[in-house]
Amino acid sequence: MAALAVCAVATARWKDRTVPQASPPRTPDQSVGHTMARALRRSTMRCEGINVLLCDGAAAFQTVFHFHLHVIPRYTGDGWTIKATPPERERSLLDRDAQAIRDAVAAAG
């Protein structure tokens, strides 16, 4: 089953990595999320995981229309859930979308 979501940076080197192990961020928005996640990991909050969420556009549930990241400390059994049932898509369509995103990132410099 193929999901609707596309990850433009998925490679073997990203597998099983957490923020402290990840490559340095390349853009200002990645830098903010990376810095906040690293700070949470070092804080006294002792979170077990972190969600970094960006809602960009009304269709993505954005309600405050300026750029901001939600950095959410997570704990086993904390009651937060992120559930989605994306429609199935053919692998070729996912690959096409991933390539379009890679091309756009490359063009942005």
N, C-alpha and C. Protein backbone atom coordinates (compact mmCIF):
# COMPACT_ATOMS: atom_id res chain seq x y z
N MET A 1 0.84 -1.18 0.00
CA MET A 1 0.00 0.00 0.00
C MET A 1 0.88 1.24 0.00
N ALA A 2 0.68 2.13 -0.91
CA ALA A 2 1.45 3.36 -1.00
C ALA A 2 0.62 4.51 -0.42
N ALA A 3 1.26 5.35 0.32
CA ALA A 3 0.57 6.47 0.96
C ALA A 3 0.60 7.70 0.08
N LEU A 4 -0.22 8.68 0.43
CA LEU A 4 -0.28 9.93 -0.30
C LEU A 4 0.94 10.78 -0.03
N ALA A 5 1.48 10.71 1.17
CA ALA A 5 2.59 11.57 1.56
C ALA A 5 3.85 11.25 0.77
N VAL A 6 4.66 12.26 0.57
CA VAL A 6 5.92 12.11 -0.15
C VAL A 6 7.03 12.68 0.71
N CYS A 7 8.10 11.96 0.86
CA CYS A 7 9.27 12.46 1.56
C CYS A 7 10.37 12.65 0.53
N ALA A 8 10.77 13.88 0.30
CA ALA A 8 11.73 14.19 -0.76
C ALA A 8 13.16 13.87 -0.37
N VAL A 9 13.43 13.57 0.89
CA VAL A 9 14.81 13.35 1.32
C VAL A 9 15.05 11.94 1.83
N ALA A 10 14.12 11.06 1.64
CA ALA A 10 14.26 9.71 2.18
C ALA A 10 15.37 8.95 1.47
N THR A 11 16.38 8.58 2.23
CA THR A 11 17.46 7.75 1.73
C THR A 11 17.86 6.81 2.84
N ALA A 12 18.67 5.83 2.53
CA ALA A 12 19.09 4.86 3.53
C ALA A 12 19.82 5.53 4.69
N ARG A 13 20.52 6.62 4.43
CA ARG A 13 21.29 7.25 5.50
C ARG A 13 20.41 7.93 6.55
N TRP A 14 19.12 8.12 6.27
CA TRP A 14 18.22 8.75 7.23
C TRP A 14 17.53 7.74 8.13
N LYS A 15 17.62 6.48 7.82
CA LYS A 15 16.89 5.46 8.55
C LYS A 15 17.31 5.43 10.03
N ASP A 16 16.33 5.34 10.89
CA ASP A 16 16.55 5.20 12.33
C ASP A 16 17.40 6.30 12.93
N ARG A 17 17.22 7.51 12.48
CA ARG A 17 17.98 8.62 13.04
C ARG A 17 17.05 9.54 13.83
N THR A 18 17.56 10.01 14.96
CA THR A 18 16.86 11.02 15.73
C THR A 18 17.58 12.34 15.52
N VAL A 19 17.04 13.42 16.05
CA VAL A 19 17.62 14.75 15.82
C VAL A 19 19.11 14.82 16.16
N PRO A 20 19.56 14.29 17.30
CA PRO A 20 20.99 14.40 17.58
C PRO A 20 21.88 13.70 16.55
N GLN A 21 21.35 12.73 15.83
CA GLN A 21 22.13 11.98 14.86
C GLN A 21 21.97 12.49 13.44
N ALA A 22 21.02 13.36 13.20
CA ALA A 22 20.70 13.79 11.85
C ALA A 22 21.76 14.75 11.31
N SER A 23 21.81 14.85 10.00
CA SER A 23 22.70 15.80 9.34
C SER A 23 22.30 17.22 9.72
N PRO A 24 23.25 18.17 9.65
CA PRO A 24 22.91 19.56 9.96
C PRO A 24 21.83 20.09 9.04
N PRO A 25 20.98 20.99 9.54
CA PRO A 25 19.92 21.56 8.70
C PRO A 25 20.50 22.41 7.58
N ARG A 26 19.75 22.53 6.48
CA ARG A 26 20.22 23.26 5.31
C ARG A 26 19.47 24.56 5.06
N THR A 27 18.31 24.73 5.68
CA THR A 27 17.51 25.94 5.46
C THR A 27 17.13 26.54 6.81
N PRO A 28 16.75 27.83 6.84
CA PRO A 28 16.39 28.46 8.11
C PRO A 28 15.26 27.75 8.85
N ASP A 29 14.21 27.30 8.13
CA ASP A 29 13.11 26.62 8.81
C ASP A 29 13.56 25.28 9.37
N GLN A 30 14.41 24.56 8.65
CA GLN A 30 14.95 23.32 9.19
C GLN A 30 15.81 23.62 10.41
N SER A 31 16.55 24.71 10.36
CA SER A 31 17.43 25.08 11.46
C SER A 31 16.64 25.36 12.73
N VAL A 32 15.53 26.07 12.61
CA VAL A 32 14.70 26.36 13.78
C VAL A 32 14.16 25.07 14.38
N GLY A 33 13.59 24.21 13.55
CA GLY A 33 13.06 22.94 14.04
C GLY A 33 14.14 22.09 14.66
N HIS A 34 15.29 22.02 14.02
CA HIS A 34 16.42 21.23 14.51
C HIS A 34 16.90 21.78 15.84
N THR A 35 17.06 23.09 15.94
CA THR A 35 17.53 23.72 17.17
C THR A 35 16.55 23.47 18.31
N MET A 36 15.25 23.64 18.04
CA MET A 36 14.25 23.42 19.09
C MET A 36 14.21 21.96 19.53
N ALA A 37 14.29 21.04 18.59
CA ALA A 37 14.26 19.62 18.94
C ALA A 37 15.49 19.24 19.76
N ARG A 38 16.67 19.74 19.36
CA ARG A 38 17.89 19.46 20.14
C ARG A 38 17.77 20.04 21.54
N ALA A 39 17.22 21.25 21.66
CA ALA A 39 17.05 21.88 22.97
C ALA A 39 16.11 21.05 23.85
N LEU A 40 15.02 20.58 23.27
CA LEU A 40 14.10 19.73 24.04
C LEU A 40 14.80 18.47 24.53
N ARG A 41 15.61 17.86 23.67
CA ARG A 41 16.33 16.64 24.06
C ARG A 41 17.28 16.91 25.22
N ARG A 42 17.85 18.11 25.28
CA ARG A 42 18.81 18.45 26.34
C ARG A 42 18.12 19.02 27.58
N SER A 43 16.85 19.36 27.48
CA SER A 43 16.15 20.02 28.58
C SER A 43 15.83 19.05 29.71
N THR A 44 15.33 19.61 30.80
CA THR A 44 14.91 18.79 31.94
C THR A 44 13.56 18.13 31.70
N MET A 45 12.93 18.39 30.55
CA MET A 45 11.62 17.80 30.25
C MET A 45 11.71 16.29 30.05
N ARG A 46 12.87 15.79 29.68
CA ARG A 46 13.09 14.35 29.50
C ARG A 46 12.10 13.72 28.53
N CYS A 47 11.80 14.41 27.44
CA CYS A 47 10.86 13.84 26.48
C CYS A 47 11.49 12.63 25.79
N GLU A 48 10.62 11.70 25.40
CA GLU A 48 11.06 10.47 24.73
C GLU A 48 11.07 10.62 23.22
N GLY A 49 10.39 11.63 22.73
CA GLY A 49 10.31 11.88 21.30
C GLY A 49 9.85 13.30 21.07
N ILE A 50 9.87 13.71 19.82
CA ILE A 50 9.49 15.08 19.47
C ILE A 50 8.76 15.04 18.14
N ASN A 51 7.65 15.76 18.05
CA ASN A 51 7.00 16.01 16.76
C ASN A 51 7.25 17.46 16.40
N VAL A 52 7.67 17.70 15.17
CA VAL A 52 7.80 19.05 14.63
C VAL A 52 6.78 19.12 13.50
N LEU A 53 5.84 20.04 13.62
CA LEU A 53 4.72 20.10 12.70
C LEU A 53 4.62 21.48 12.06
N LEU A 54 4.48 21.51 10.76
CA LEU A 54 4.24 22.74 10.02
C LEU A 54 2.93 22.58 9.26
N CYS A 55 1.99 23.48 9.52
CA CYS A 55 0.73 23.49 8.78
C CYS A 55 0.80 24.69 7.84
N ASP A 56 0.90 24.45 6.54
CA ASP A 56 1.09 25.52 5.56
C ASP A 56 -0.10 25.55 4.61
N GLY A 57 -1.01 26.49 4.84
CA GLY A 57 -2.19 26.63 4.00
C GLY A 57 -3.43 26.07 4.67
N ALA A 58 -4.57 26.62 4.31
CA ALA A 58 -5.83 26.21 4.93
C ALA A 58 -6.09 24.71 4.76
N ALA A 59 -5.74 24.17 3.61
CA ALA A 59 -5.96 22.74 3.37
C ALA A 59 -5.12 21.87 4.29
N ALA A 60 -4.06 22.45 4.86
CA ALA A 60 -3.19 21.72 5.79
C ALA A 60 -3.50 22.09 7.24
N PHE A 61 -4.69 22.65 7.47
CA PHE A 61 -5.18 23.00 8.81
C PHE A 61 -4.47 24.20 9.43
N GLN A 62 -3.87 25.06 8.61
CA GLN A 62 -3.25 26.27 9.14
C GLN A 62 -4.36 27.23 9.57
N THR A 63 -4.27 27.74 10.80
CA THR A 63 -5.26 28.69 11.30
C THR A 63 -4.64 30.03 11.65
N VAL A 64 -3.33 30.08 11.83
CA VAL A 64 -2.60 31.32 12.08
C VAL A 64 -1.72 31.52 10.86
N PHE A 65 -1.99 32.54 10.06
CA PHE A 65 -1.38 32.63 8.73
C PHE A 65 -0.08 33.43 8.72
N HIS A 66 0.89 32.89 9.45
CA HIS A 66 2.28 33.27 9.33
C HIS A 66 3.09 32.00 9.59
N PHE A 67 4.34 32.00 9.19
CA PHE A 67 5.15 30.79 9.35
C PHE A 67 5.42 30.52 10.82
N HIS A 68 5.11 29.33 11.27
CA HIS A 68 5.49 28.89 12.60
C HIS A 68 5.52 27.37 12.64
N LEU A 69 6.39 26.86 13.48
CA LEU A 69 6.52 25.41 13.68
C LEU A 69 5.95 25.06 15.04
N HIS A 70 5.26 23.94 15.10
CA HIS A 70 4.82 23.39 16.37
C HIS A 70 5.88 22.36 16.77
N VAL A 71 6.50 22.56 17.92
CA VAL A 71 7.51 21.63 18.43
C VAL A 71 6.90 21.00 19.67
N ILE A 72 6.56 19.72 19.58
CA ILE A 72 5.75 19.06 20.61
C ILE A 72 6.56 17.96 21.29
N PRO A 73 6.88 18.13 22.58
CA PRO A 73 7.57 17.05 23.29
C PRO A 73 6.61 15.88 23.46
N ARG A 74 7.13 14.67 23.29
CA ARG A 74 6.28 13.48 23.33
C ARG A 74 6.78 12.48 24.38
N TYR A 75 5.82 11.77 24.96
CA TYR A 75 6.08 10.76 25.97
C TYR A 75 5.21 9.55 25.69
N THR A 76 5.70 8.37 25.97
CA THR A 76 4.91 7.16 25.79
C THR A 76 3.62 7.29 26.60
N GLY A 77 2.48 7.04 25.95
CA GLY A 77 1.19 7.09 26.62
C GLY A 77 0.69 8.50 26.93
N ASP A 78 1.22 9.52 26.24
CA ASP A 78 0.82 10.90 26.53
C ASP A 78 -0.57 11.26 25.99
N GLY A 79 -1.18 10.38 25.24
CA GLY A 79 -2.53 10.63 24.75
C GLY A 79 -2.60 11.34 23.41
N TRP A 80 -1.50 11.88 22.92
CA TRP A 80 -1.48 12.53 21.61
C TRP A 80 -1.47 11.48 20.53
N THR A 81 -2.22 11.71 19.50
CA THR A 81 -2.18 10.81 18.35
C THR A 81 -2.16 11.64 17.07
N ILE A 82 -1.54 11.09 16.09
CA ILE A 82 -1.57 11.65 14.74
C ILE A 82 -2.00 10.51 13.85
N LYS A 83 -3.25 10.55 13.44
CA LYS A 83 -3.78 9.46 12.64
C LYS A 83 -4.20 9.99 11.28
N ALA A 84 -3.90 9.24 10.28
CA ALA A 84 -4.32 9.59 8.93
C ALA A 84 -4.55 8.30 8.15
N THR A 85 -5.51 8.34 7.30
CA THR A 85 -5.76 7.22 6.41
C THR A 85 -5.69 7.76 4.98
N PRO A 86 -4.46 7.92 4.50
CA PRO A 86 -4.32 8.47 3.15
C PRO A 86 -4.81 7.49 2.10
N PRO A 87 -5.31 8.02 1.00
CA PRO A 87 -5.74 7.12 -0.07
C PRO A 87 -4.54 6.42 -0.68
N GLU A 88 -4.77 5.23 -1.19
CA GLU A 88 -3.69 4.51 -1.86
C GLU A 88 -3.34 5.19 -3.17
N ARG A 89 -2.06 5.20 -3.50
CA ARG A 89 -1.61 5.75 -4.77
C ARG A 89 -0.58 4.80 -5.36
N GLU A 90 -0.51 4.80 -6.66
CA GLU A 90 0.46 3.95 -7.34
C GLU A 90 1.87 4.45 -7.05
N ARG A 91 2.80 3.51 -6.94
CA ARG A 91 4.20 3.85 -6.68
C ARG A 91 4.73 4.83 -7.71
N SER A 92 4.35 4.67 -8.96
CA SER A 92 4.85 5.57 -10.01
C SER A 92 4.43 7.02 -9.75
N LEU A 93 3.23 7.21 -9.21
CA LEU A 93 2.78 8.57 -8.89
C LEU A 93 3.55 9.15 -7.71
N LEU A 94 3.82 8.32 -6.72
CA LEU A 94 4.63 8.77 -5.58
C LEU A 94 6.03 9.15 -6.04
N ASP A 95 6.61 8.31 -6.90
CA ASP A 95 7.95 8.59 -7.43
C ASP A 95 7.96 9.88 -8.24
N ARG A 96 6.92 10.10 -9.03
CA ARG A 96 6.81 11.32 -9.82
C ARG A 96 6.75 12.54 -8.92
N ASP A 97 5.93 12.47 -7.87
CA ASP A 97 5.81 13.58 -6.93
C ASP A 97 7.13 13.84 -6.20
N ALA A 98 7.79 12.77 -5.79
CA ALA A 98 9.07 12.92 -5.10
C ALA A 98 10.08 13.61 -6.01
N GLN A 99 10.10 13.24 -7.29
CA GLN A 99 11.03 13.87 -8.23
C GLN A 99 10.69 15.35 -8.43
N ALA A 100 9.42 15.67 -8.50
CA ALA A 100 9.00 17.06 -8.65
C ALA A 100 9.46 17.90 -7.46
N ILE A 101 9.38 17.33 -6.26
CA ILE A 101 9.83 18.04 -5.06
C ILE A 101 11.35 18.20 -5.09
N ARG A 102 12.07 17.13 -5.44
CA ARG A 102 13.54 17.24 -5.53
C ARG A 102 13.94 18.31 -6.54
N ASP A 103 13.26 18.35 -7.68
CA ASP A 103 13.56 19.36 -8.71
C ASP A 103 13.31 20.77 -8.18
N ALA A 104 12.21 20.96 -7.45
CA ALA A 104 11.88 22.28 -6.91
C ALA A 104 12.90 22.71 -5.85
N VAL A 105 13.34 21.77 -5.02
CA VAL A 105 14.35 22.08 -4.01
C VAL A 105 15.66 22.46 -4.69
N ALA A 106 16.05 21.71 -5.71
CA ALA A 106 17.28 22.01 -6.44
C ALA A 106 17.20 23.38 -7.12
N ALA A 107 16.06 23.71 -7.68
CA ALA A 107 15.88 24.99 -8.36
C ALA A 107 15.91 26.16 -7.38
N ALA A 108 15.49 25.90 -6.14
CA ALA A 108 15.47 26.96 -5.12
C ALA A 108 16.88 27.29 -4.65
N GLY A 109 17.82 26.39 -4.94
CA GLY A 109 19.22 26.64 -4.62
C GLY A 109 19.51 26.37 -3.21
